């Protein structure tokens, strides 16, 4: 969506993996598929949130407003 650079997104994914919140793997059914699959570990996330080790913030992102102001984003490629 143009919010963050690829470097920032990859760093965030690495941090979530390190914390055990997500697990990343390749498609086990198709060796040619190079797309990463992510599994969210709700139990780990909830445990971190309960202990106050992790804080969340409310997102101001609104997809409907974004698509109205960026019509090219909703065009099929």
PDB file of N, CA and C in Angstrom:
ATOM      1  N   UNK A   1       0.805  -1.188   0.000  1.00  0.00           N
ATOM      2  CA  UNK A   1       0.000   0.000   0.000  1.00  0.00           C
ATOM      3  C   UNK A   1       0.855   1.262   0.000  1.00  0.00           C
ATOM      4  N   UNK A   2       2.160   1.105  -0.062  1.00  0.00           N
ATOM      5  CA  UNK A   2       3.025   2.262  -0.081  1.00  0.00           C
ATOM      6  C   UNK A   2       3.299   2.826   1.298  1.00  0.00           C
ATOM      7  N   UNK A   3       2.905   2.116   2.350  1.00  0.00           N
ATOM      8  CA  UNK A   3       3.104   2.609   3.710  1.00  0.00           C
ATOM      9  C   UNK A   3       4.542   2.426   4.177  1.00  0.00           C
ATOM     10  N   UNK A   4       5.137   1.282   3.863  1.00  0.00           N
ATOM     11  CA  UNK A   4       6.466   0.960   4.365  1.00  0.00           C
ATOM     12  C   UNK A   4       7.300   0.342   3.253  1.00  0.00           C
ATOM     13  N   UNK A   5       8.598   0.439   3.404  1.00  0.00           N
ATOM     14  CA  UNK A   5       9.488  -0.148   2.410  1.00  0.00           C
ATOM     15  C   UNK A   5       9.562  -1.660   2.618  1.00  0.00           C
ATOM     16  N   UNK A   6      10.034  -2.356   1.602  1.00  0.00           N
ATOM     17  CA  UNK A   6      10.181  -3.803   1.668  1.00  0.00           C
ATOM     18  C   UNK A   6      11.119  -4.195   2.804  1.00  0.00           C
ATOM     19  N   UNK A   7      12.162  -3.396   3.022  1.00  0.00           N
ATOM     20  CA  UNK A   7      13.120  -3.655   4.093  1.00  0.00           C
ATOM     21  C   UNK A   7      12.427  -3.629   5.464  1.00  0.00           C
ATOM     22  N   UNK A   8      11.567  -2.660   5.690  1.00  0.00           N
ATOM     23  CA  UNK A   8      10.863  -2.534   6.969  1.00  0.00           C
ATOM     24  C   UNK A   8       9.907  -3.705   7.162  1.00  0.00           C
ATOM     25  N   UNK A   9       9.211  -4.100   6.118  1.00  0.00           N
ATOM     26  CA  UNK A   9       8.264  -5.220   6.209  1.00  0.00           C
ATOM     27  C   UNK A   9       9.006  -6.522   6.516  1.00  0.00           C
ATOM     28  N   UNK A  10      10.126  -6.760   5.834  1.00  0.00           N
ATOM     29  CA  UNK A  10      10.902  -7.984   6.089  1.00  0.00           C
ATOM     30  C   UNK A  10      11.459  -8.003   7.507  1.00  0.00           C
ATOM     31  N   UNK A  11      11.876  -6.853   8.004  1.00  0.00           N
ATOM     32  CA  UNK A  11      12.373  -6.768   9.380  1.00  0.00           C
ATOM     33  C   UNK A  11      11.263  -7.078  10.372  1.00  0.00           C
ATOM     34  N   UNK A  12      10.059  -6.579  10.108  1.00  0.00           N
ATOM     35  CA  UNK A  12       8.923  -6.841  10.990  1.00  0.00           C
ATOM     36  C   UNK A  12       8.567  -8.325  10.992  1.00  0.00           C
ATOM     37  N   UNK A  13       8.586  -8.952   9.828  1.00  0.00           N
ATOM     38  CA  UNK A  13       8.303 -10.389   9.747  1.00  0.00           C
ATOM     39  C   UNK A  13       9.351 -11.173  10.519  1.00  0.00           C
ATOM     40  N   UNK A  14      10.627 -10.795  10.395  1.00  0.00           N
ATOM     41  CA  UNK A  14      11.694 -11.478  11.122  1.00  0.00           C
ATOM     42  C   UNK A  14      11.511 -11.336  12.631  1.00  0.00           C
ATOM     43  N   UNK A  15      11.094 -10.166  13.082  1.00  0.00           N
ATOM     44  CA  UNK A  15      10.860  -9.948  14.508  1.00  0.00           C
ATOM     45  C   UNK A  15       9.693 -10.799  15.007  1.00  0.00           C
ATOM     46  N   UNK A  16       8.613 -10.867  14.233  1.00  0.00           N
ATOM     47  CA  UNK A  16       7.462 -11.692  14.620  1.00  0.00           C
ATOM     48  C   UNK A  16       7.841 -13.168  14.675  1.00  0.00           C
ATOM     49  N   UNK A  17       8.699 -13.601  13.750  1.00  0.00           N
ATOM     50  CA  UNK A  17       9.186 -14.993  13.774  1.00  0.00           C
ATOM     51  C   UNK A  17      10.043 -15.237  15.014  1.00  0.00           C
ATOM     52  N   UNK A  18      10.935 -14.303  15.313  1.00  0.00           N
ATOM     53  CA  UNK A  18      11.824 -14.424  16.467  1.00  0.00           C
ATOM     54  C   UNK A  18      11.027 -14.499  17.769  1.00  0.00           C
ATOM     55  N   UNK A  19       9.941 -13.748  17.839  1.00  0.00           N
ATOM     56  CA  UNK A  19       9.096 -13.750  19.035  1.00  0.00           C
ATOM     57  C   UNK A  19       8.188 -14.979  19.091  1.00  0.00           C
ATOM     58  N   UNK A  20       8.122 -15.756  18.014  1.00  0.00           N
ATOM     59  CA  UNK A  20       7.299 -16.952  17.978  1.00  0.00           C
ATOM     60  C   UNK A  20       5.845 -16.684  17.662  1.00  0.00           C
ATOM     61  N   UNK A  21       5.532 -15.479  17.214  1.00  0.00           N
ATOM     62  CA  UNK A  21       4.147 -15.123  16.921  1.00  0.00           C
ATOM     63  C   UNK A  21       3.699 -15.698  15.585  1.00  0.00           C
ATOM     64  N   UNK A  22       4.604 -15.731  14.609  1.00  0.00           N
ATOM     65  CA  UNK A  22       4.267 -16.327  13.313  1.00  0.00           C
ATOM     66  C   UNK A  22       5.304 -17.375  12.935  1.00  0.00           C
ATOM     67  N   UNK A  23       4.898 -18.248  12.044  1.00  0.00           N
ATOM     68  CA  UNK A  23       5.764 -19.282  11.493  1.00  0.00           C
ATOM     69  C   UNK A  23       5.699 -19.143   9.975  1.00  0.00           C
ATOM     70  N   UNK A  24       6.839 -19.195   9.327  1.00  0.00           N
ATOM     71  CA  UNK A  24       6.908 -19.005   7.878  1.00  0.00           C
ATOM     72  C   UNK A  24       7.395 -20.300   7.234  1.00  0.00           C
ATOM     73  N   UNK A  25       6.718 -20.728   6.152  1.00  0.00           N
ATOM     74  CA  UNK A  25       7.155 -21.932   5.443  1.00  0.00           C
ATOM     75  C   UNK A  25       6.761 -21.836   3.980  1.00  0.00           C
ATOM     76  N   UNK A  26       7.384 -22.659   3.172  1.00  0.00           N
ATOM     77  CA  UNK A  26       7.043 -22.753   1.753  1.00  0.00           C
ATOM     78  C   UNK A  26       5.851 -23.700   1.591  1.00  0.00           C
ATOM     79  N   UNK A  27       5.249 -23.687   0.420  1.00  0.00           N
ATOM     80  CA  UNK A  27       4.113 -24.549   0.123  1.00  0.00           C
ATOM     81  C   UNK A  27       4.596 -26.002   0.085  1.00  0.00           C
ATOM     82  N   UNK A  28       4.156 -26.844   1.037  1.00  0.00           N
ATOM     83  CA  UNK A  28       4.628 -28.232   1.049  1.00  0.00           C
ATOM     84  C   UNK A  28       4.066 -29.073  -0.096  1.00  0.00           C
ATOM     85  N   UNK A  29       2.971 -28.633  -0.687  1.00  0.00           N
ATOM     86  CA  UNK A  29       2.345 -29.402  -1.756  1.00  0.00           C
ATOM     87  C   UNK A  29       2.877 -29.087  -3.143  1.00  0.00           C
ATOM     88  N   UNK A  30       3.644 -27.999  -3.268  1.00  0.00           N
ATOM     89  CA  UNK A  30       4.135 -27.594  -4.584  1.00  0.00           C
ATOM     90  C   UNK A  30       5.542 -27.026  -4.420  1.00  0.00           C
ATOM     91  N   UNK A  31       6.542 -27.798  -4.814  1.00  0.00           N
ATOM     92  CA  UNK A  31       7.933 -27.384  -4.683  1.00  0.00           C
ATOM     93  C   UNK A  31       8.314 -26.215  -5.569  1.00  0.00           C
ATOM     94  N   UNK A  32       7.527 -25.940  -6.596  1.00  0.00           N
ATOM     95  CA  UNK A  32       7.831 -24.832  -7.504  1.00  0.00           C
ATOM     96  C   UNK A  32       7.275 -23.503  -6.997  1.00  0.00           C
ATOM     97  N   UNK A  33       6.344 -23.558  -6.061  1.00  0.00           N
ATOM     98  CA  UNK A  33       5.734 -22.352  -5.515  1.00  0.00           C
ATOM     99  C   UNK A  33       6.715 -21.711  -4.534  1.00  0.00           C
ATOM    100  N   UNK A  34       7.155 -20.494  -4.814  1.00  0.00           N
ATOM    101  CA  UNK A  34       8.123 -19.812  -3.960  1.00  0.00           C
ATOM    102  C   UNK A  34       7.453 -18.800  -3.026  1.00  0.00           C
ATOM    103  N   UNK A  35       6.123 -18.849  -2.935  1.00  0.00           N
ATOM    104  CA  UNK A  35       5.384 -17.939  -2.076  1.00  0.00           C
ATOM    105  C   UNK A  35       5.444 -18.437  -0.629  1.00  0.00           C
ATOM    106  N   UNK A  36       5.731 -17.522   0.302  1.00  0.00           N
ATOM    107  CA  UNK A  36       5.755 -17.888   1.708  1.00  0.00           C
ATOM    108  C   UNK A  36       4.336 -18.013   2.246  1.00  0.00           C
ATOM    109  N   UNK A  37       4.139 -18.983   3.121  1.00  0.00           N
ATOM    110  CA  UNK A  37       2.885 -19.145   3.840  1.00  0.00           C
ATOM    111  C   UNK A  37       3.161 -18.808   5.297  1.00  0.00           C
ATOM    112  N   UNK A  38       2.248 -18.072   5.919  1.00  0.00           N
ATOM    113  CA  UNK A  38       2.430 -17.647   7.306  1.00  0.00           C
ATOM    114  C   UNK A  38       1.333 -18.233   8.175  1.00  0.00           C
ATOM    115  N   UNK A  39       1.748 -18.723   9.339  1.00  0.00           N
ATOM    116  CA  UNK A  39       0.800 -19.262  10.309  1.00  0.00           C
ATOM    117  C   UNK A  39       0.908 -18.421  11.578  1.00  0.00           C
ATOM    118  N   UNK A  40      -0.209 -17.874  12.020  1.00  0.00           N
ATOM    119  CA  UNK A  40      -0.247 -17.055  13.216  1.00  0.00           C
ATOM    120  C   UNK A  40      -0.498 -17.946  14.425  1.00  0.00           C
ATOM    121  N   UNK A  41       0.356 -17.820  15.440  1.00  0.00           N
ATOM    122  CA  UNK A  41       0.211 -18.582  16.681  1.00  0.00           C
ATOM    123  C   UNK A  41      -0.535 -17.708  17.688  1.00  0.00           C
ATOM    124  N   UNK A  42      -1.863 -17.868  17.717  1.00  0.00           N
ATOM    125  CA  UNK A  42      -2.708 -17.056  18.587  1.00  0.00           C
ATOM    126  C   UNK A  42      -2.350 -17.237  20.058  1.00  0.00           C
ATOM    127  N   UNK A  43      -2.000 -18.465  20.448  1.00  0.00           N
ATOM    128  CA  UNK A  43      -1.682 -18.713  21.852  1.00  0.00           C
ATOM    129  C   UNK A  43      -0.466 -17.905  22.301  1.00  0.00           C
ATOM    130  N   UNK A  44       0.559 -17.814  21.463  1.00  0.00           N
ATOM    131  CA  UNK A  44       1.754 -17.034  21.793  1.00  0.00           C
ATOM    132  C   UNK A  44       1.409 -15.548  21.843  1.00  0.00           C
ATOM    133  N   UNK A  45       0.651 -15.074  20.858  1.00  0.00           N
ATOM    134  CA  UNK A  45       0.260 -13.671  20.807  1.00  0.00           C
ATOM    135  C   UNK A  45      -0.566 -13.295  22.032  1.00  0.00           C
ATOM    136  N   UNK A  46      -1.529 -14.112  22.394  1.00  0.00           N
ATOM    137  CA  UNK A  46      -2.373 -13.834  23.559  1.00  0.00           C
ATOM    138  C   UNK A  46      -1.560 -13.842  24.855  1.00  0.00           C
ATOM    139  N   UNK A  47      -0.601 -14.772  24.965  1.00  0.00           N
ATOM    140  CA  UNK A  47       0.240 -14.831  26.160  1.00  0.00           C
ATOM    141  C   UNK A  47       1.075 -13.555  26.293  1.00  0.00           C
ATOM    142  N   UNK A  48       1.626 -13.071  25.200  1.00  0.00           N
ATOM    143  CA  UNK A  48       2.406 -11.835  25.230  1.00  0.00           C
ATOM    144  C   UNK A  48       1.535 -10.634  25.580  1.00  0.00           C
ATOM    145  N   UNK A  49       0.342 -10.604  25.028  1.00  0.00           N
ATOM    146  CA  UNK A  49      -0.568  -9.493  25.323  1.00  0.00           C
ATOM    147  C   UNK A  49      -1.023  -9.505  26.782  1.00  0.00           C
ATOM    148  N   UNK A  50      -1.249 -10.694  27.349  1.00  0.00           N
ATOM    149  CA  UNK A  50      -1.678 -10.808  28.745  1.00  0.00           C
ATOM    150  C   UNK A  50      -0.616 -10.301  29.701  1.00  0.00           C
ATOM    151  N   UNK A  51       0.629 -10.572  29.390  1.00  0.00           N
ATOM    152  CA  UNK A  51       1.720 -10.191  30.283  1.00  0.00           C
ATOM    153  C   UNK A  51       2.200  -8.754  30.046  1.00  0.00           C
ATOM    154  N   UNK A  52       1.604  -8.071  29.099  1.00  0.00           N
ATOM    155  CA  UNK A  52       1.988  -6.686  28.845  1.00  0.00           C
ATOM    156  C   UNK A  52       3.334  -6.536  28.167  1.00  0.00           C
ATOM    157  N   UNK A  53       3.839  -7.628  27.589  1.00  0.00           N
ATOM    158  CA  UNK A  53       5.131  -7.581  26.910  1.00  0.00           C
ATOM    159  C   UNK A  53       5.010  -7.001  25.510  1.00  0.00           C
ATOM    160  N   UNK A  54       3.810  -6.959  25.030  1.00  0.00           N
ATOM    161  CA  UNK A  54       3.574  -6.510  23.666  1.00  0.00           C
ATOM    162  C   UNK A  54       2.365  -5.580  23.688  1.00  0.00           C
ATOM    163  N   UNK A  55       2.457  -4.465  23.010  1.00  0.00           N
ATOM    164  CA  UNK A  55       1.346  -3.525  22.977  1.00  0.00           C
ATOM    165  C   UNK A  55       0.858  -3.379  21.548  1.00  0.00           C
ATOM    166  N   UNK A  56      -0.444  -3.245  21.406  1.00  0.00           N
ATOM    167  CA  UNK A  56      -1.012  -3.028  20.080  1.00  0.00           C
ATOM    168  C   UNK A  56      -1.491  -1.593  19.984  1.00  0.00           C
ATOM    169  N   UNK A  57      -1.590  -1.111  18.777  1.00  0.00           N
ATOM    170  CA  UNK A  57      -2.128   0.219  18.564  1.00  0.00           C
ATOM    171  C   UNK A  57      -3.208   0.137  17.497  1.00  0.00           C
ATOM    172  N   UNK A  58      -4.196   0.957  17.619  1.00  0.00           N
ATOM    173  CA  UNK A  58      -5.311   0.963  16.684  1.00  0.00           C
ATOM    174  C   UNK A  58      -4.844   1.489  15.328  1.00  0.00           C
ATOM    175  N   UNK A  59      -5.186   0.789  14.274  1.00  0.00           N
ATOM    176  CA  UNK A  59      -4.804   1.206  12.923  1.00  0.00           C
ATOM    177  C   UNK A  59      -5.749   2.282  12.418  1.00  0.00           C
ATOM    178  N   UNK A  60      -5.193   3.291  11.764  1.00  0.00           N
ATOM    179  CA  UNK A  60      -6.000   4.344  11.161  1.00  0.00           C
ATOM    180  C   UNK A  60      -6.309   4.016   9.705  1.00  0.00           C
ATOM    181  N   UNK A  61      -5.844   2.868   9.217  1.00  0.00           N
ATOM    182  CA  UNK A  61      -6.037   2.498   7.820  1.00  0.00           C
ATOM    183  C   UNK A  61      -7.492   2.132   7.559  1.00  0.00           C
ATOM    184  N   UNK A  62      -8.054   2.702   6.510  1.00  0.00           N
ATOM    185  CA  UNK A  62      -9.415   2.400   6.100  1.00  0.00           C
ATOM    186  C   UNK A  62      -9.358   2.062   4.619  1.00  0.00           C
ATOM    187  N   UNK A  63      -9.572   0.805   4.277  1.00  0.00           N
ATOM    188  CA  UNK A  63      -9.433   0.346   2.896  1.00  0.00           C
ATOM    189  C   UNK A  63     -10.374   1.075   1.949  1.00  0.00           C
ATOM    190  N   UNK A  64     -11.585   1.341   2.399  1.00  0.00           N
ATOM    191  CA  UNK A  64     -12.550   2.009   1.525  1.00  0.00           C
ATOM    192  C   UNK A  64     -12.079   3.420   1.164  1.00  0.00           C
ATOM    193  N   UNK A  65     -11.599   4.163   2.147  1.00  0.00           N
ATOM    194  CA  UNK A  65     -11.086   5.505   1.875  1.00  0.00           C
ATOM    195  C   UNK A  65      -9.845   5.450   0.995  1.00  0.00           C
ATOM    196  N   UNK A  66      -8.991   4.449   1.225  1.00  0.00           N
ATOM    197  CA  UNK A  66      -7.765   4.318   0.434  1.00  0.00           C
ATOM    198  C   UNK A  66      -8.103   4.096  -1.039  1.00  0.00           C
ATOM    199  N   UNK A  67      -9.042   3.210  -1.324  1.00  0.00           N
ATOM    200  CA  UNK A  67      -9.385   2.901  -2.709  1.00  0.00           C
ATOM    201  C   UNK A  67     -10.074   4.078  -3.402  1.00  0.00           C
ATOM    202  N   UNK A  68     -10.792   4.901  -2.655  1.00  0.00           N
ATOM    203  CA  UNK A  68     -11.389   6.098  -3.257  1.00  0.00           C
ATOM    204  C   UNK A  68     -10.317   7.113  -3.643  1.00  0.00           C
ATOM    205  N   UNK A  69      -9.311   7.274  -2.800  1.00  0.00           N
ATOM    206  CA  UNK A  69      -8.269   8.255  -3.081  1.00  0.00           C
ATOM    207  C   UNK A  69      -7.153   7.700  -3.954  1.00  0.00           C
ATOM    208  N   UNK A  70      -7.063   6.372  -4.116  1.00  0.00           N
ATOM    209  CA  UNK A  70      -6.064   5.723  -4.961  1.00  0.00           C
ATOM    210  C   UNK A  70      -6.764   4.716  -5.885  1.00  0.00           C
ATOM    211  N   UNK A  71      -7.511   5.180  -6.872  1.00  0.00           N
ATOM    212  CA  UNK A  71      -8.282   4.252  -7.721  1.00  0.00           C
ATOM    213  C   UNK A  71      -7.412   3.254  -8.473  1.00  0.00           C
ATOM    214  N   UNK A  72      -6.140   3.594  -8.708  1.00  0.00           N
ATOM    215  CA  UNK A  72      -5.254   2.672  -9.417  1.00  0.00           C
ATOM    216  C   UNK A  72      -4.947   1.437  -8.582  1.00  0.00           C
ATOM    217  N   UNK A  73      -5.103   1.511  -7.264  1.00  0.00           N
ATOM    218  CA  UNK A  73      -4.820   0.373  -6.392  1.00  0.00           C
ATOM    219  C   UNK A  73      -5.856  -0.722  -6.543  1.00  0.00           C
ATOM    220  N   UNK A  74      -7.056  -0.388  -6.955  1.00  0.00           N
ATOM    221  CA  UNK A  74      -8.109  -1.391  -7.073  1.00  0.00           C
ATOM    222  C   UNK A  74      -8.227  -1.952  -8.483  1.00  0.00           C
ATOM    223  N   UNK A  75      -7.377  -1.498  -9.404  1.00  0.00           N
ATOM    224  CA  UNK A  75      -7.412  -2.029 -10.768  1.00  0.00           C
ATOM    225  C   UNK A  75      -6.714  -3.398 -10.795  1.00  0.00           C
ATOM    226  N   UNK A  76      -7.278  -4.392 -11.477  1.00  0.00           N
ATOM    227  CA  UNK A  76      -6.612  -5.678 -11.595  1.00  0.00           C
ATOM    228  C   UNK A  76      -5.343  -5.557 -12.428  1.00  0.00           C
ATOM    229  N   UNK A  77      -4.376  -6.371 -12.095  1.00  0.00           N
ATOM    230  CA  UNK A  77      -3.103  -6.301 -12.831  1.00  0.00           C
ATOM    231  C   UNK A  77      -3.009  -7.391 -13.850  1.00  0.00           C
TER     232      UNK A  77
END
